[in-house]
Protein backbone atom coordinates (compact mmCIF):
# COMPACT_ATOMS: atom_id res chain seq x y z
CA MET A 1 -12.26 5.37 14.84
CA ASP A 2 -14.48 5.03 11.79
CA THR A 3 -17.93 4.24 13.17
CA GLU A 4 -19.46 3.72 9.72
CA LYS A 5 -16.87 1.10 8.79
CA MET A 6 -17.31 -0.59 12.16
CA LYS A 7 -21.08 -0.69 11.68
CA GLU A 8 -20.69 -2.15 8.18
CA LEU A 9 -18.52 -4.91 9.64
CA GLN A 10 -21.08 -5.66 12.35
CA ASN A 11 -23.88 -5.83 9.78
CA TRP A 12 -21.78 -8.25 7.73
CA LEU A 13 -21.35 -10.47 10.79
CA ILE A 14 -25.12 -10.51 11.30
CA ASP A 15 -25.80 -11.26 7.63
CA ASN A 16 -23.25 -14.10 7.69
CA GLN A 17 -24.46 -15.48 11.04
CA THR A 18 -21.00 -15.09 12.55
CA ALA A 19 -20.51 -14.07 16.18
CA VAL A 20 -17.12 -12.37 16.31
CA ALA A 21 -14.56 -10.92 13.90
CA TYR A 22 -10.89 -11.29 14.82
CA ILE A 23 -8.84 -8.65 13.01
CA SER A 24 -5.11 -9.25 13.31
CA ASP A 25 -3.50 -7.19 10.53
CA PRO A 26 -2.22 -3.93 12.11
CA GLN A 27 -3.14 -2.00 8.96
CA HIS A 28 -6.71 -3.27 9.11
CA ILE A 29 -6.91 -2.54 12.82
CA ALA A 30 -5.97 1.04 11.97
CA TYR A 31 -8.60 1.05 9.20
CA PHE A 32 -11.44 0.17 11.57
CA ALA A 33 -10.25 1.37 14.99
CA GLY A 34 -8.07 4.33 14.05
CA TYR A 35 -5.16 3.04 16.11
CA GLU A 36 -1.86 2.74 14.23
CA SER A 37 0.79 0.45 15.65
CA GLU A 38 3.56 -1.94 14.64
CA PRO A 39 3.52 -4.53 17.45
CA HIS A 40 6.38 -6.60 16.01
CA GLU A 41 6.25 -10.05 17.64
CA ARG A 42 3.62 -9.04 20.21
CA VAL A 43 -0.10 -9.68 19.78
CA LEU A 44 -2.29 -6.82 18.62
CA ALA A 45 -5.94 -7.58 17.88
CA LEU A 46 -9.33 -6.02 17.33
CA PHE A 47 -12.38 -8.10 18.25
CA VAL A 48 -15.73 -7.00 16.88
CA SER A 49 -19.00 -8.62 17.95
CA ALA A 50 -22.15 -8.74 15.90
CA GLU A 51 -24.20 -7.68 18.91
CA ALA A 52 -21.91 -6.19 21.60
CA GLU A 53 -19.18 -3.56 21.84
CA PRO A 54 -15.79 -4.21 20.22
CA PHE A 55 -12.52 -4.08 22.10
CA LEU A 56 -8.83 -3.65 21.33
CA PHE A 57 -6.19 -5.99 22.70
CA THR A 58 -2.69 -4.51 22.82
CA PRO A 59 0.67 -4.96 24.55
CA ALA A 60 0.60 -3.21 27.93
CA LEU A 61 3.10 -0.59 26.78
CA GLU A 62 0.63 0.56 24.09
CA VAL A 63 -2.57 0.76 26.14
CA GLU A 64 -2.45 4.51 26.81
CA ASP A 65 -1.57 5.29 23.21
CA ALA A 66 -4.50 3.18 22.03
CA LYS A 67 -6.89 4.90 24.43
CA SER A 68 -5.82 8.33 23.21
CA SER A 69 -6.06 7.37 19.53
CA GLY A 70 -9.79 8.02 19.26
CA PHE A 71 -10.93 4.45 19.81
CA THR A 72 -13.96 4.87 22.08
CA PHE A 73 -14.32 1.34 23.45
CA ASP A 74 -12.30 -0.75 25.90
CA VAL A 75 -8.58 -1.36 25.46
CA ILE A 76 -7.16 -4.46 27.17
CA GLY A 77 -3.42 -4.86 27.66
CA TYR A 78 -1.06 -7.69 28.53
CA LEU A 79 2.46 -7.85 29.94
CA ASP A 80 5.30 -9.62 28.18
CA SER A 81 5.37 -12.13 31.03
CA GLN A 82 1.72 -13.10 30.46
CA ASP A 83 0.12 -15.51 28.00
CA PRO A 84 -1.92 -13.22 25.71
CA TRP A 85 -4.19 -16.02 24.52
CA LYS A 86 -5.39 -16.84 28.02
CA ILE A 87 -6.34 -13.19 28.53
CA ILE A 88 -7.99 -12.99 25.10
CA ALA A 89 -10.03 -16.14 25.74
CA ASN A 90 -11.15 -14.86 29.13
CA GLU A 91 -12.15 -11.44 27.74
CA LEU A 92 -14.07 -12.98 24.84
CA LYS A 93 -15.99 -15.37 27.10
CA GLN A 94 -16.81 -12.66 29.65
CA ARG A 95 -17.96 -10.17 27.02
CA TYR A 96 -19.57 -12.35 24.38
CA GLY A 97 -20.43 -15.59 26.16
CA SER A 98 -20.27 -18.87 24.30
CA ILE A 99 -18.81 -18.12 20.84
CA GLU A 100 -19.70 -20.58 18.13
CA SER A 101 -18.17 -18.85 15.11
CA PHE A 102 -15.32 -16.48 14.22
CA ALA A 103 -14.48 -14.53 11.08
CA ILE A 104 -10.76 -14.25 10.39
CA GLU A 105 -8.41 -12.74 7.78
CA LYS A 106 -7.47 -15.90 5.96
CA ASN A 107 -4.95 -14.22 3.68
CA GLN A 108 -2.53 -13.27 6.45
CA LEU A 109 -3.37 -14.78 9.88
CA PRO A 110 -0.34 -16.81 11.09
CA VAL A 111 -1.11 -20.48 11.66
CA GLU A 112 0.32 -20.36 15.20
CA ARG A 113 -2.06 -17.58 16.23
CA PHE A 114 -5.02 -19.21 14.55
CA GLU A 115 -4.30 -22.42 16.44
CA SER A 116 -3.99 -20.53 19.74
CA LEU A 117 -7.46 -19.05 19.30
CA ALA A 118 -8.94 -22.30 18.03
CA GLN A 119 -7.60 -24.21 21.06
CA ALA A 120 -9.32 -21.73 23.38
CA PHE A 121 -12.63 -22.27 21.53
CA PRO A 122 -12.53 -25.92 20.44
CA GLY A 123 -16.13 -26.03 19.28
CA ALA A 124 -16.03 -22.80 17.26
CA ILE A 125 -16.19 -22.60 13.47
CA PHE A 126 -13.66 -20.41 11.62
CA SER A 127 -15.03 -20.65 8.10
CA ALA A 128 -15.97 -16.97 7.64
CA ASN A 129 -13.29 -15.06 5.72
CA LEU A 130 -12.93 -11.33 6.37
CA THR A 131 -10.47 -10.75 3.54
CA PRO A 132 -12.98 -10.28 0.67
CA LEU A 133 -15.12 -7.98 2.83
CA ILE A 134 -12.19 -5.75 3.77
CA GLN A 135 -11.02 -5.66 0.16
CA LYS A 136 -14.49 -4.59 -0.94
CA MET A 137 -14.74 -1.94 1.77
CA GLN A 138 -11.35 -0.51 0.85
CA LEU A 139 -12.13 -0.53 -2.85
CA LEU A 140 -14.15 2.70 -3.01
CA LYS A 141 -12.57 5.63 -1.19
CA THR A 142 -14.55 8.46 0.36
CA PRO A 143 -13.73 12.12 -0.48
CA SER A 144 -11.99 12.38 2.90
CA GLU A 145 -9.82 9.37 2.11
CA ILE A 146 -8.94 10.76 -1.32
CA ASN A 147 -7.91 14.06 0.26
CA ARG A 148 -5.51 12.19 2.52
CA LEU A 149 -4.12 10.28 -0.45
CA LEU A 150 -3.60 13.59 -2.26
CA GLU A 151 -1.65 14.96 0.70
CA ALA A 152 0.46 11.80 0.86
CA GLY A 153 1.10 12.28 -2.86
CA HIS A 154 2.23 15.86 -2.25
CA TRP A 155 4.91 14.58 0.11
CA ALA A 156 6.04 12.07 -2.50
CA ASP A 157 6.52 15.02 -4.84
CA VAL A 158 8.59 16.73 -2.14
CA ALA A 159 10.68 13.56 -1.85
CA PHE A 160 11.36 13.55 -5.59
CA GLU A 161 12.51 17.17 -5.42
CA VAL A 162 14.89 16.33 -2.57
CA GLY A 163 16.25 13.29 -4.38
CA PHE A 164 16.78 15.03 -7.70
CA LYS A 165 18.65 17.91 -6.04
CA ALA A 166 20.92 15.45 -4.23
CA ILE A 167 22.16 13.76 -7.42
CA HIS A 168 25.79 14.42 -8.30
CA GLU A 169 28.73 12.49 -9.68
CA GLY A 170 29.71 9.70 -7.31
CA VAL A 171 26.73 9.86 -4.92
CA THR A 172 25.57 6.36 -4.04
CA GLU A 173 22.08 4.91 -4.11
CA GLN A 174 22.12 4.52 -0.33
CA GLU A 175 23.18 8.13 0.14
CA LEU A 176 20.28 9.35 -1.99
CA VAL A 177 17.85 7.22 0.02
CA ALA A 178 19.29 8.61 3.27
CA GLU A 179 18.99 12.22 2.11
CA ILE A 180 15.37 11.79 1.02
CA GLU A 181 14.27 10.16 4.26
CA TYR A 182 16.27 12.58 6.43
CA GLN A 183 14.73 15.66 4.82
CA LEU A 184 11.21 14.22 5.02
CA LYS A 185 11.63 13.45 8.71
CA ARG A 186 12.85 17.00 9.23
CA ASN A 187 9.55 18.12 7.71
CA GLY A 188 7.42 15.96 9.99
CA ILE A 189 6.94 12.80 7.93
CA GLN A 190 7.28 9.93 10.38
CA GLN A 191 7.11 6.95 8.06
CA MET A 192 7.73 5.93 4.47
CA SER A 193 5.05 3.69 3.01
CA PHE A 194 7.75 1.21 1.92
CA ASP A 195 11.53 1.09 1.73
CA THR A 196 12.64 3.92 -0.55
CA LEU A 197 14.07 2.61 -3.80
CA VAL A 198 16.85 4.41 -5.68
CA LEU A 199 18.62 2.45 -8.43
CA THR A 200 21.15 3.79 -10.90
CA GLY A 201 22.32 2.59 -14.29
CA LYS A 202 21.83 -1.09 -15.05
CA ASN A 203 20.64 -1.69 -11.45
CA ALA A 204 17.31 -0.12 -12.44
CA ALA A 205 16.66 -3.15 -14.65
CA SER A 206 15.69 -5.00 -11.44
CA PRO A 207 12.11 -3.84 -10.67
CA HIS A 208 12.52 -4.58 -6.95
CA GLY A 209 16.26 -4.10 -6.56
CA ASN A 210 18.01 -3.05 -3.36
CA PRO A 211 19.79 0.31 -3.13
CA GLY A 212 23.46 -0.22 -2.40
CA LYS A 213 26.85 1.39 -2.83
CA SER A 214 26.60 1.82 -6.60
CA ALA A 215 27.49 5.41 -7.48
CA VAL A 216 25.75 7.63 -10.01
CA ALA A 217 27.85 8.25 -13.10
CA ALA A 218 27.41 10.53 -16.09
CA GLY A 219 24.97 8.98 -18.57
CA ASP A 220 23.06 6.96 -15.96
CA LEU A 221 19.31 6.79 -15.69
CA VAL A 222 18.36 6.92 -12.00
CA LEU A 223 15.07 5.36 -10.84
CA PHE A 224 13.27 6.66 -7.74
CA ASP A 225 10.34 4.63 -6.33
CA LEU A 226 9.01 6.03 -3.06
CA GLY A 227 6.05 7.01 -0.91
CA VAL A 228 5.07 8.24 2.53
CA VAL A 229 2.36 7.58 5.09
CA TRP A 230 0.32 10.67 5.86
CA ASN A 231 -2.54 10.54 8.37
CA GLY A 232 -2.78 6.79 7.87
CA TYR A 233 -2.80 6.83 4.05
CA CYS A 234 0.00 5.94 1.65
CA SER A 235 1.56 7.32 -1.49
CA ASP A 236 3.54 5.42 -4.11
CA ALA A 237 5.17 6.99 -7.15
CA THR A 238 8.10 6.40 -9.49
CA ARG A 239 10.18 8.71 -11.64
CA THR A 240 13.25 7.93 -13.71
CA VAL A 241 15.65 10.79 -14.43
CA ALA A 242 18.89 11.15 -16.40
CA PHE A 243 22.21 12.31 -14.97
CA HIS A 244 23.77 14.21 -17.87
CA GLU A 245 22.62 13.56 -21.41
CA PRO A 246 21.07 10.10 -21.99
CA ASN A 247 21.95 8.17 -25.12
CA ASP A 248 19.48 7.48 -27.93
CA PHE A 249 18.65 3.98 -26.67
CA GLN A 250 17.86 5.28 -23.17
CA LYS A 251 15.69 8.02 -24.66
CA GLU A 252 13.85 5.46 -26.77
CA ILE A 253 13.05 3.24 -23.81
CA TYR A 254 12.07 6.19 -21.65
CA ASN A 255 9.72 7.63 -24.27
CA ILE A 256 8.02 4.26 -24.82
CA VAL A 257 7.34 3.87 -21.10
CA LEU A 258 6.09 7.45 -20.90
CA GLU A 259 3.75 6.88 -23.84
CA ALA A 260 2.39 3.75 -22.17
CA GLN A 261 1.90 5.45 -18.82
CA LEU A 262 0.17 8.49 -20.29
CA ALA A 263 -2.06 6.33 -22.51
CA ALA A 264 -3.18 4.21 -19.58
CA GLN A 265 -3.77 7.19 -17.32
CA ALA A 266 -5.84 8.87 -20.06
CA ALA A 267 -7.90 5.69 -20.48
CA VAL A 268 -9.01 5.54 -16.82
CA ARG A 269 -12.74 6.03 -16.47
CA PRO A 270 -15.71 4.26 -14.88
CA GLY A 271 -16.73 1.29 -17.02
CA ILE A 272 -13.33 0.12 -18.26
CA SER A 273 -12.10 -3.13 -16.76
CA ALA A 274 -8.82 -3.63 -14.91
CA ALA A 275 -7.70 -6.04 -17.64
CA GLU A 276 -8.53 -3.56 -20.40
CA LEU A 277 -6.55 -0.85 -18.66
CA ASP A 278 -3.54 -3.14 -18.26
CA ALA A 279 -3.77 -3.90 -21.98
CA VAL A 280 -3.67 -0.22 -22.93
CA ALA A 281 -0.17 0.20 -21.50
CA ARG A 282 1.00 -3.31 -22.43
CA ASN A 283 -0.05 -2.90 -26.05
CA VAL A 284 1.97 0.30 -26.37
CA ILE A 285 5.12 -1.36 -25.08
CA SER A 286 4.54 -4.52 -27.13
CA SER A 287 4.03 -2.49 -30.31
CA TYR A 288 7.64 -1.34 -30.04
CA GLY A 289 8.90 -4.89 -29.52
CA TYR A 290 9.61 -4.67 -25.78
CA GLY A 291 6.60 -6.54 -24.40
CA GLU A 292 8.70 -9.27 -22.78
CA TYR A 293 10.50 -6.64 -20.71
CA PHE A 294 7.30 -5.36 -19.06
CA ASN A 295 7.13 -8.23 -16.61
CA HIS A 296 4.65 -7.13 -13.93
CA ARG A 297 1.06 -5.95 -13.62
CA LEU A 298 0.18 -2.39 -14.52
CA GLY A 299 -0.90 -1.45 -11.01
CA HIS A 300 -2.28 -2.17 -7.57
CA GLY A 301 -4.77 -0.56 -5.23
CA ILE A 302 -3.60 1.96 -2.65
CA GLY A 303 -5.04 3.35 0.57
CA THR A 304 -4.13 2.63 4.18
CA THR A 305 -1.68 0.08 2.79
CA VAL A 306 0.58 0.55 -0.21
CA HIS A 307 -0.63 -2.62 -1.96
CA GLU A 308 -4.39 -3.11 -1.80
CA TYR A 309 -7.12 -4.66 -3.91
CA PRO A 310 -7.64 -4.37 -6.88
CA SER A 311 -4.87 -5.66 -9.10
CA ILE A 312 -4.75 -3.91 -12.48
CA VAL A 313 -3.71 -6.94 -14.46
CA ALA A 314 -4.64 -9.16 -17.40
CA GLY A 315 -7.46 -11.50 -16.52
CA ASN A 316 -9.08 -9.23 -13.94
CA ASP A 317 -12.52 -8.31 -15.29
CA LEU A 318 -13.33 -5.97 -12.40
CA ILE A 319 -15.09 -2.88 -13.75
CA LEU A 320 -13.58 0.37 -12.50
CA GLU A 321 -15.84 2.70 -10.54
CA GLU A 322 -15.61 6.24 -9.27
CA GLY A 323 -13.63 6.31 -6.02
CA MET A 324 -11.30 3.41 -6.82
CA CYS A 325 -7.63 4.28 -6.26
CA PHE A 326 -4.65 2.46 -7.77
CA SER A 327 -1.23 2.81 -9.35
CA ILE A 328 -0.38 3.03 -13.05
CA GLU A 329 3.24 1.96 -13.38
CA PRO A 330 4.42 0.46 -16.65
CA GLY A 331 8.11 -0.29 -17.03
CA ILE A 332 10.73 -1.77 -19.30
CA TYR A 333 13.58 -3.69 -17.69
CA ILE A 334 16.34 -5.02 -19.94
CA PRO A 335 18.91 -6.88 -17.83
CA GLU A 336 22.44 -5.41 -17.79
CA LYS A 337 21.28 -2.52 -19.97
CA VAL A 338 18.49 -0.25 -18.78
CA GLY A 339 15.47 0.01 -16.51
CA VAL A 340 12.71 2.63 -16.68
CA ARG A 341 9.48 2.86 -14.70
CA ILE A 342 7.05 5.79 -14.44
CA GLU A 343 4.25 5.67 -11.89
CA ASP A 344 1.39 7.74 -10.56
CA CYS A 345 -1.41 6.61 -8.29
CA VAL A 346 -4.83 7.93 -9.28
CA ALA A 347 -8.41 8.16 -8.09
CA VAL A 348 -11.16 7.34 -10.58
CA THR A 349 -13.57 10.26 -11.12
CA LYS A 350 -16.91 10.33 -12.90
CA ASP A 351 -15.23 10.98 -16.25
CA GLY A 352 -11.52 10.17 -15.81
CA CYS A 353 -9.05 10.27 -12.96
CA ILE A 354 -6.94 12.57 -10.79
CA PRO A 355 -3.31 11.75 -10.00
CA PHE A 356 -1.93 12.03 -6.48
CA THR A 357 1.53 13.11 -7.69
CA THR A 358 2.37 15.94 -10.07
CA THR A 359 6.16 15.77 -10.57
CA SER A 360 6.87 16.11 -14.30
CA LYS A 361 7.01 12.89 -16.25
CA GLU A 362 8.86 14.36 -19.21
CA ILE A 363 12.45 13.20 -19.11
CA THR A 364 14.41 15.26 -16.58
CA ILE A 365 18.10 15.75 -17.28
CA ILE A 366 20.23 16.63 -14.25
CA ARG A 367 23.64 18.14 -14.96
């Protein structure tokens, strides 16, 4: 459990004259309480009072795991046969008395669960929004958090090595995904930070395509987009490699994306805005006439979740500061022809940035 983060949340509740925070996102529960869980359809919640001790509410089958996770306050469980909202309402009233106001995560709380809590406290106000606070807290990483992101990045580099070695004529995208995830699990990695993406040939022109039965053939570019969760923190990186010699057009597209990625990464420093950084990469690609084929933002924040605040995108005037962590991932995607993306996540330093992944970005040719 992170006591400093918990205290910051409690101080925010006091400053905003709000009695209780209801945290429902499992990733944010892990961020504050240190307990990692995927409850699926069951209710998992962290309740934090401005004045009294917080408590965790979990399915009964997770109570012991939650208690042993390092969370130092009470853990309350419920059986599948019980109504969780009756138990939650009773616990809240017993511990915190008459509650007049709640803070909630407005960007992700399901309506059904909001209504269940609101029905139990019909006079309460739910106007306080936790989302901007959590985004702000996650924005600047501590040295300890950056070290965990670096270790997660190391395992992404290991994953690339596994994937590159597994490429051969006729191997399918799904088989490459399976080999990467199998070897990582053998080495103790329990979870990928998102579904591993391997796309070959023209399939790579879909930025968020789905790996399938397409087989690698000589002359293909093969795109790997992957990451792991290590000690609660995520990695996210992309490399595009060639199986046998690429043609001149493929080389051209690859080198443009590489130039854009390197230019943006070199431009990272405190004082530049997110929009300005996006423009560095976008201007490179546009100068070669391929601007319309770079159809997504330059990057996103990363930490305990793979997509966090901030968004590195046109129109975002947020000024970068030391400790911010985000991806730099320009790409060119020409339908039915070619797709190339190159990505590192970085941490802003006092005079530049450090990347979390170190796999070479020069074009790799696998024979």
